[in-house]
C-alpha atoms as a PDB file:
ATOM      1  CA  UNK A   1     -47.815 -72.189 -40.090  1.00  0.00           C
ATOM      2  CA  UNK A   2     -50.096 -69.300 -39.002  1.00  0.00           C
ATOM      3  CA  UNK A   3     -50.335 -67.814 -35.572  1.00  0.00           C
ATOM      4  CA  UNK A   4     -53.844 -69.257 -35.167  1.00  0.00           C
ATOM      5  CA  UNK A   5     -52.514 -72.749 -36.069  1.00  0.00           C
ATOM      6  CA  UNK A   6     -49.816 -72.346 -33.486  1.00  0.00           C
ATOM      7  CA  UNK A   7     -52.263 -71.248 -30.835  1.00  0.00           C
ATOM      8  CA  UNK A   8     -54.425 -74.271 -31.630  1.00  0.00           C
ATOM      9  CA  UNK A   9     -51.526 -76.630 -31.471  1.00  0.00           C
ATOM     10  CA  UNK A  10     -50.373 -75.160 -28.157  1.00  0.00           C
ATOM     11  CA  UNK A  11     -53.920 -75.436 -26.731  1.00  0.00           C
ATOM     12  CA  UNK A  12     -53.842 -79.154 -27.496  1.00  0.00           C
ATOM     13  CA  UNK A  13     -50.547 -79.838 -25.745  1.00  0.00           C
ATOM     14  CA  UNK A  14     -50.481 -81.674 -22.423  1.00  0.00           C
ATOM     15  CA  UNK A  15     -49.926 -79.290 -19.466  1.00  0.00           C
ATOM     16  CA  UNK A  16     -46.384 -80.603 -18.949  1.00  0.00           C
ATOM     17  CA  UNK A  17     -45.454 -79.751 -22.522  1.00  0.00           C
ATOM     18  CA  UNK A  18     -47.098 -76.301 -22.266  1.00  0.00           C
ATOM     19  CA  UNK A  19     -44.957 -75.677 -19.211  1.00  0.00           C
ATOM     20  CA  UNK A  20     -41.803 -76.736 -21.083  1.00  0.00           C
ATOM     21  CA  UNK A  21     -42.780 -74.540 -24.020  1.00  0.00           C
ATOM     22  CA  UNK A  22     -43.402 -71.552 -21.720  1.00  0.00           C
ATOM     23  CA  UNK A  23     -39.970 -72.100 -20.053  1.00  0.00           C
ATOM     24  CA  UNK A  24     -38.308 -72.223 -23.474  1.00  0.00           C
ATOM     25  CA  UNK A  25     -40.032 -69.053 -24.651  1.00  0.00           C
ATOM     26  CA  UNK A  26     -39.028 -67.257 -21.484  1.00  0.00           C
ATOM     27  CA  UNK A  27     -35.400 -68.345 -21.965  1.00  0.00           C
ATOM     28  CA  UNK A  28     -35.508 -67.022 -25.533  1.00  0.00           C
ATOM     29  CA  UNK A  29     -36.842 -63.640 -24.320  1.00  0.00           C
ATOM     30  CA  UNK A  30     -34.187 -63.461 -21.617  1.00  0.00           C
ATOM     31  CA  UNK A  31     -31.408 -64.242 -24.136  1.00  0.00           C
ATOM     32  CA  UNK A  32     -32.706 -61.474 -26.377  1.00  0.00           C
ATOM     33  CA  UNK A  33     -32.837 -59.033 -23.467  1.00  0.00           C
ATOM     34  CA  UNK A  34     -29.193 -59.933 -22.643  1.00  0.00           C
ATOM     35  CA  UNK A  35     -28.144 -59.396 -26.274  1.00  0.00           C
ATOM     36  CA  UNK A  36     -29.868 -56.000 -26.335  1.00  0.00           C
ATOM     37  CA  UNK A  37     -28.269 -54.926 -23.047  1.00  0.00           C
ATOM     38  CA  UNK A  38     -24.877 -55.953 -24.325  1.00  0.00           C
ATOM     39  CA  UNK A  39     -25.447 -53.956 -27.549  1.00  0.00           C
ATOM     40  CA  UNK A  40     -26.713 -50.902 -25.688  1.00  0.00           C
ATOM     41  CA  UNK A  41     -23.775 -50.815 -23.260  1.00  0.00           C
ATOM     42  CA  UNK A  42     -20.963 -51.573 -25.720  1.00  0.00           C
ATOM     43  CA  UNK A  43     -18.971 -48.814 -27.294  1.00  0.00           C
ATOM     44  CA  UNK A  44     -21.252 -46.693 -29.502  1.00  0.00           C
ATOM     45  CA  UNK A  45     -24.392 -48.115 -27.848  1.00  0.00           C
ATOM     46  CA  UNK A  46     -27.315 -46.091 -26.567  1.00  0.00           C
ATOM     47  CA  UNK A  47     -26.428 -46.672 -22.924  1.00  0.00           C
ATOM     48  CA  UNK A  48     -22.769 -45.595 -23.155  1.00  0.00           C
ATOM     49  CA  UNK A  49     -23.677 -41.956 -22.670  1.00  0.00           C
ATOM     50  CA  UNK A  50     -25.091 -42.796 -19.235  1.00  0.00           C
ATOM     51  CA  UNK A  51     -22.048 -44.917 -18.328  1.00  0.00           C
ATOM     52  CA  UNK A  52     -19.676 -42.125 -19.343  1.00  0.00           C
ATOM     53  CA  UNK A  53     -21.634 -39.623 -17.269  1.00  0.00           C
ATOM     54  CA  UNK A  54     -21.550 -41.862 -14.201  1.00  0.00           C
ATOM     55  CA  UNK A  55     -17.821 -42.423 -14.614  1.00  0.00           C
ATOM     56  CA  UNK A  56     -17.229 -38.675 -14.932  1.00  0.00           C
ATOM     57  CA  UNK A  57     -19.344 -38.019 -11.833  1.00  0.00           C
ATOM     58  CA  UNK A  58     -17.348 -40.619  -9.898  1.00  0.00           C
ATOM     59  CA  UNK A  59     -14.067 -39.086 -11.006  1.00  0.00           C
ATOM     60  CA  UNK A  60     -15.325 -35.649  -9.988  1.00  0.00           C
ATOM     61  CA  UNK A  61     -16.382 -36.904  -6.567  1.00  0.00           C
ATOM     62  CA  UNK A  62     -20.026 -36.265  -7.305  1.00  0.00           C
ATOM     63  CA  UNK A  63     -21.358 -39.487  -5.777  1.00  0.00           C
ATOM     64  CA  UNK A  64     -22.175 -41.076  -2.454  1.00  0.00           C
ATOM     65  CA  UNK A  65     -21.526 -44.739  -1.926  1.00  0.00           C
ATOM     66  CA  UNK A  66     -24.740 -46.782  -1.737  1.00  0.00           C
ATOM     67  CA  UNK A  67     -23.861 -48.191   1.690  1.00  0.00           C
ATOM     68  CA  UNK A  68     -23.560 -44.723   3.176  1.00  0.00           C
ATOM     69  CA  UNK A  69     -26.393 -44.070   5.597  1.00  0.00           C
ATOM     70  CA  UNK A  70     -28.765 -41.367   4.266  1.00  0.00           C
ATOM     71  CA  UNK A  71     -29.385 -38.426   6.599  1.00  0.00           C
END
């Protein structure tokens, strides 16, 4: 099925089914986002460098708790 055929089929759906489809597509996108975040922040992932830097800064006392009032 082509993209144009899909678009046409979607255009012909009742509003209730379009809403259900949009909800399903959004859930698919969110699941993919979750998988990517898990991959990025697992050992060897792209985000681990940031995690390790933050942990090192915390160990070195180079942080201020978020609930501390800013002056």
